[in-house]
Amino acid sequence: MNRSMRGAAGFTLVELLTVVVIIGMLVALLMPAVLGARRTALQTRCVNFQGELLKALVAYDAAKKRLPGSITEACPGNSTRVWVVELLPFIGRNDLWEGANGWRTKQGPVVRINEFVCPVDTDALNEPAALSYVVNANLFRKRQFGNVPTNKTISLADLKAPAVTMVISERRSVFGQGPGPWAPWQSAWTTADPITRITFVWPNSGTIDALPISTGISSHHPGVVVCGFADGRVEALSGQTDVTVYQPPLIP
């Protein structure tokens, strides 16, 4: 009789609280692993995005025997385009490069390309034609801007130590001036020196985390910055990495 009455009454309050506590403990144990897996997945996507851009740069260099300029004046009406626009034919976006309205002959359509934006770059998530990635200013010389003479062009074949020569990386809050903290790859800038917006300058000492936000590299990934090298590999470097490790002789 007492056993059947207990069964009809269901669980006691103590038993329910015990179950709740156990579930809470399990969630607390699993949550870091879930969040860590998500961070790893987003970092992997960023590595893949940079890897695609790096492959396009290698293909461009093989075809042109030089790297693109960081910014180029090649369109009617003094419209400018940044280095990543030159890669459109090499990432399968001839639809944006060719045609009457293509970037080949004019400032083309403003289109968001997901591969140009780091998946954790919160500054650029809702911006059209945003760009999270910057290139080495020592390699991507300014070929022409206004009346400035054309600089010497550089090819990957010129590099003495490609394994330690950083070509591309990411930067959070790319610049503090202009339309926003992100680098719009479609903009026709009128500022005196737009180059710093889309390139990084490698210093002589310090750590990655200590680099100036306006000219260095940085990331929204916790503790690491994703970087691509001239030998074709992409790595996630610790923010505490000593920059002198990557001080190669760039060109002969």
Protein backbone atom coordinates (compact mmCIF):
# COMPACT_ATOMS: atom_id res chain seq x y z
CA MET A 1 0.00 0.00 0.00
CA ASN A 2 2.71 2.51 0.98
CA ARG A 3 4.79 1.57 -2.07
CA SER A 4 1.93 2.26 -4.49
CA MET A 5 1.16 5.60 -2.82
CA ARG A 6 4.81 6.64 -3.17
CA GLY A 7 4.75 5.76 -6.85
CA ALA A 8 1.64 7.84 -7.43
CA ALA A 9 3.17 10.82 -5.64
CA GLY A 10 6.14 11.06 -8.11
CA PHE A 11 9.59 12.44 -7.26
CA THR A 12 10.30 14.30 -4.05
CA LEU A 13 11.66 17.86 -4.07
CA VAL A 14 15.07 16.64 -2.93
CA GLU A 15 15.24 14.18 -5.79
CA LEU A 16 14.29 16.86 -8.35
CA LEU A 17 16.89 19.27 -6.96
CA THR A 18 19.49 16.54 -7.13
CA VAL A 19 18.73 15.95 -10.81
CA VAL A 20 18.88 19.70 -11.53
CA VAL A 21 22.25 19.99 -9.81
CA ILE A 22 23.64 17.03 -11.74
CA ILE A 23 22.42 18.49 -15.06
CA GLY A 24 23.96 21.87 -14.15
CA MET A 25 27.29 20.23 -13.38
CA LEU A 26 27.25 18.36 -16.70
CA VAL A 27 26.50 21.57 -18.60
CA ALA A 28 29.32 23.38 -16.75
CA LEU A 29 31.72 20.58 -17.69
CA LEU A 30 30.66 20.44 -21.34
CA MET A 31 30.32 24.16 -22.08
CA PRO A 32 34.08 24.95 -22.29
CA ALA A 33 34.52 22.06 -24.71
CA VAL A 34 31.62 23.27 -26.86
CA LEU A 35 32.91 26.85 -26.90
CA GLY A 36 36.43 25.65 -27.61
CA ALA A 37 35.22 23.58 -30.54
CA ARG A 38 33.35 26.58 -31.93
CA ARG A 39 36.44 28.82 -31.63
CA THR A 40 38.52 26.18 -33.36
CA ALA A 41 35.99 25.87 -36.18
CA LEU A 42 35.92 29.65 -36.75
CA GLN A 43 39.71 29.82 -36.68
CA THR A 44 39.86 27.00 -39.22
CA ARG A 45 37.52 28.95 -41.51
CA CYS A 46 39.82 31.98 -41.27
CA VAL A 47 42.81 29.76 -42.11
CA ASN A 48 40.92 28.43 -45.13
CA PHE A 49 39.95 31.93 -46.29
CA GLN A 50 43.54 33.14 -46.11
CA GLY A 51 44.67 29.94 -47.79
CA GLU A 52 42.39 30.66 -50.76
CA LEU A 53 43.71 34.22 -51.03
CA LEU A 54 47.28 32.96 -50.76
CA LYS A 55 46.68 30.46 -53.58
CA ALA A 56 45.24 33.28 -55.68
CA LEU A 57 48.31 35.42 -54.97
CA VAL A 58 50.61 32.57 -56.02
CA ALA A 59 48.61 32.12 -59.23
CA TYR A 60 48.66 35.88 -59.90
CA ASP A 61 52.41 35.98 -59.31
CA ALA A 62 52.96 33.03 -61.65
CA ALA A 63 50.92 34.71 -64.38
CA LYS A 64 52.23 38.28 -63.98
CA LYS A 65 55.72 37.57 -62.61
CA ARG A 66 55.03 40.01 -59.79
CA LEU A 67 52.74 40.55 -56.84
CA PRO A 68 49.92 43.09 -57.22
CA GLY A 69 50.39 46.58 -55.93
CA SER A 70 48.75 47.32 -52.59
CA ILE A 71 46.68 49.91 -54.43
CA THR A 72 46.49 50.52 -58.16
CA GLU A 73 45.16 53.29 -60.34
CA ALA A 74 44.02 51.58 -63.49
CA CYS A 75 40.44 52.66 -64.02
CA PRO A 76 38.95 55.62 -65.88
CA GLY A 77 38.14 58.64 -63.77
CA ASN A 78 40.99 58.05 -61.27
CA SER A 79 39.05 55.28 -59.54
CA THR A 80 41.31 53.09 -57.45
CA ARG A 81 41.22 49.48 -56.43
CA VAL A 82 43.08 47.59 -53.75
CA TRP A 83 45.21 44.47 -54.05
CA VAL A 84 42.39 42.01 -53.43
CA VAL A 85 40.41 43.26 -56.45
CA GLU A 86 43.28 42.18 -58.70
CA LEU A 87 42.69 38.64 -57.47
CA LEU A 88 39.05 38.39 -58.58
CA PRO A 89 39.90 36.40 -61.77
CA PHE A 90 42.02 34.05 -59.66
CA ILE A 91 39.31 33.20 -57.13
CA GLY A 92 36.67 32.35 -59.72
CA ARG A 93 34.93 35.74 -59.74
CA ASN A 94 35.26 36.72 -63.38
CA ASP A 95 31.66 37.85 -63.11
CA LEU A 96 32.94 40.83 -61.10
CA TRP A 97 36.05 41.38 -63.23
CA GLU A 98 34.87 41.19 -66.83
CA GLY A 99 31.98 42.87 -68.63
CA ALA A 100 30.81 46.43 -69.10
CA ASN A 101 30.57 47.01 -65.37
CA GLY A 102 33.53 44.85 -64.31
CA TRP A 103 36.43 45.96 -62.17
CA ARG A 104 38.84 45.41 -65.03
CA THR A 105 37.91 48.74 -66.61
CA LYS A 106 36.07 50.68 -63.91
CA GLN A 107 35.03 50.72 -60.29
CA GLY A 108 32.78 47.70 -60.35
CA PRO A 109 29.83 46.51 -58.28
CA VAL A 110 29.90 46.52 -54.50
CA VAL A 111 29.52 42.87 -53.53
CA ARG A 112 30.27 41.17 -50.25
CA ILE A 113 32.62 38.22 -50.66
CA ASN A 114 32.61 36.05 -47.55
CA GLU A 115 36.15 34.79 -48.15
CA PHE A 116 37.41 38.36 -47.72
CA VAL A 117 36.07 38.59 -44.16
CA CYS A 118 37.31 36.72 -41.09
CA PRO A 119 34.29 34.94 -39.52
CA VAL A 120 35.01 36.51 -36.11
CA ASP A 121 35.66 40.04 -37.43
CA THR A 122 32.74 41.71 -35.69
CA ASP A 123 33.72 45.10 -37.14
CA ALA A 124 32.97 43.87 -40.65
CA LEU A 125 30.11 41.43 -40.24
CA ASN A 126 27.41 43.78 -41.51
CA GLU A 127 29.44 45.92 -43.90
CA PRO A 128 29.27 45.58 -47.70
CA ALA A 129 32.50 44.71 -49.50
CA ALA A 130 34.46 44.50 -46.24
CA LEU A 131 38.02 43.19 -45.99
CA SER A 132 39.59 41.71 -42.86
CA TYR A 133 42.98 40.90 -44.36
CA VAL A 134 46.08 43.03 -44.93
CA VAL A 135 49.26 42.33 -46.90
CA ASN A 136 52.96 42.99 -46.34
CA ALA A 137 53.75 46.56 -47.37
CA ASN A 138 57.34 45.57 -48.22
CA LEU A 139 56.12 43.13 -50.85
CA PHE A 140 52.96 44.75 -52.20
CA ARG A 141 54.50 47.97 -53.41
CA LYS A 142 52.28 50.85 -54.44
CA ARG A 143 52.45 50.53 -58.22
CA GLN A 144 50.79 53.85 -58.99
CA PHE A 145 48.62 56.39 -57.21
CA GLY A 146 47.90 59.78 -58.73
CA ASN A 147 51.19 61.30 -59.91
CA VAL A 148 53.38 59.07 -57.74
CA PRO A 149 55.93 57.20 -59.92
CA THR A 150 55.57 53.45 -60.21
CA ASN A 151 57.58 51.60 -57.57
CA LYS A 152 59.66 48.51 -58.18
CA THR A 153 57.49 45.43 -58.41
CA ILE A 154 58.35 42.26 -56.48
CA SER A 155 57.77 38.60 -57.27
CA LEU A 156 57.64 35.68 -54.85
CA ALA A 157 60.60 34.32 -56.81
CA ASP A 158 62.66 37.27 -55.52
CA LEU A 159 62.36 36.21 -51.89
CA LYS A 160 65.36 34.64 -50.19
CA ALA A 161 63.49 33.07 -47.27
CA PRO A 162 59.84 32.40 -48.22
CA ALA A 163 59.21 30.13 -45.22
CA VAL A 164 59.62 33.05 -42.81
CA THR A 165 58.32 35.84 -45.05
CA MET A 166 54.80 36.80 -44.04
CA VAL A 167 52.63 37.74 -47.02
CA ILE A 168 49.11 38.13 -45.63
CA SER A 169 47.50 38.39 -42.22
CA GLU A 170 44.44 39.79 -40.49
CA ARG A 171 43.79 42.97 -38.55
CA ARG A 172 40.95 44.02 -36.32
CA SER A 173 39.69 47.61 -36.57
CA VAL A 174 41.76 48.11 -39.68
CA PHE A 175 41.79 51.90 -39.49
CA GLY A 176 40.26 54.67 -37.45
CA GLN A 177 39.51 57.05 -40.29
CA GLY A 178 37.23 56.78 -43.25
CA PRO A 179 33.78 55.17 -43.38
CA GLY A 180 34.44 52.61 -40.64
CA PRO A 181 37.03 50.41 -38.88
CA TRP A 182 37.04 47.90 -41.73
CA ALA A 183 38.80 48.17 -45.09
CA PRO A 184 36.27 48.39 -47.94
CA TRP A 185 37.99 46.80 -50.90
CA GLN A 186 35.85 48.71 -53.39
CA SER A 187 36.60 52.25 -52.17
CA ALA A 188 38.15 54.98 -54.30
CA TRP A 189 40.05 56.79 -51.58
CA THR A 190 41.11 60.41 -51.67
CA THR A 191 43.28 60.43 -48.53
CA ALA A 192 46.95 61.22 -48.84
CA ASP A 193 48.17 57.73 -48.01
CA PRO A 194 45.55 54.99 -48.03
CA ILE A 195 48.20 52.28 -48.13
CA THR A 196 48.33 51.77 -44.37
CA ARG A 197 44.68 50.77 -44.41
CA ILE A 198 45.31 47.64 -46.42
CA THR A 199 48.91 46.69 -45.56
CA PHE A 200 50.96 45.90 -42.46
CA VAL A 201 54.47 47.11 -41.68
CA TRP A 202 56.73 44.59 -39.98
CA PRO A 203 58.76 46.06 -37.09
CA ASN A 204 62.25 45.20 -35.83
CA SER A 205 61.36 44.04 -32.31
CA GLY A 206 58.57 43.18 -29.89
CA THR A 207 55.70 40.71 -29.95
CA ILE A 208 52.71 40.48 -32.26
CA ASP A 209 50.36 41.62 -29.49
CA ALA A 210 52.47 44.76 -29.01
CA LEU A 211 52.26 45.89 -32.64
CA PRO A 212 50.46 49.19 -33.34
CA ILE A 213 46.84 48.59 -34.29
CA SER A 214 47.09 50.98 -37.23
CA THR A 215 50.10 49.36 -38.95
CA GLY A 216 50.50 45.88 -37.44
CA ILE A 217 48.53 42.66 -37.45
CA SER A 218 45.92 41.59 -34.92
CA SER A 219 42.92 39.34 -34.54
CA HIS A 220 39.59 38.70 -32.87
CA HIS A 221 40.68 35.08 -32.36
CA PRO A 222 41.60 34.60 -28.67
CA GLY A 223 45.38 34.58 -28.27
CA VAL A 224 46.35 33.98 -31.91
CA VAL A 225 46.67 35.75 -35.25
CA VAL A 226 46.25 33.85 -38.52
CA CYS A 227 49.04 34.55 -41.04
CA GLY A 228 49.99 33.30 -44.51
CA PHE A 229 53.58 32.88 -45.70
CA ALA A 230 55.34 33.06 -49.03
CA ASP A 231 55.90 29.29 -49.10
CA GLY A 232 52.11 28.80 -49.27
CA ARG A 233 51.34 27.74 -45.70
CA VAL A 234 48.93 29.42 -43.30
CA GLU A 235 49.49 29.34 -39.52
CA ALA A 236 47.84 30.63 -36.37
CA LEU A 237 50.66 32.40 -34.50
CA SER A 238 50.53 33.17 -30.79
CA GLY A 239 50.17 36.83 -29.92
CA GLN A 240 53.33 36.45 -27.85
CA THR A 241 55.39 35.45 -30.89
CA ASP A 242 58.68 37.35 -31.12
CA VAL A 243 58.59 39.26 -34.40
CA THR A 244 62.35 38.87 -34.88
CA VAL A 245 61.66 35.23 -35.78
CA TYR A 246 60.15 36.56 -38.99
CA GLN A 247 62.77 39.09 -40.07
CA PRO A 248 64.03 37.57 -43.33
CA PRO A 249 66.01 39.31 -46.05
CA LEU A 250 63.03 40.14 -48.25
CA ILE A 251 64.66 40.57 -51.63
CA PRO A 252 68.20 40.41 -53.04
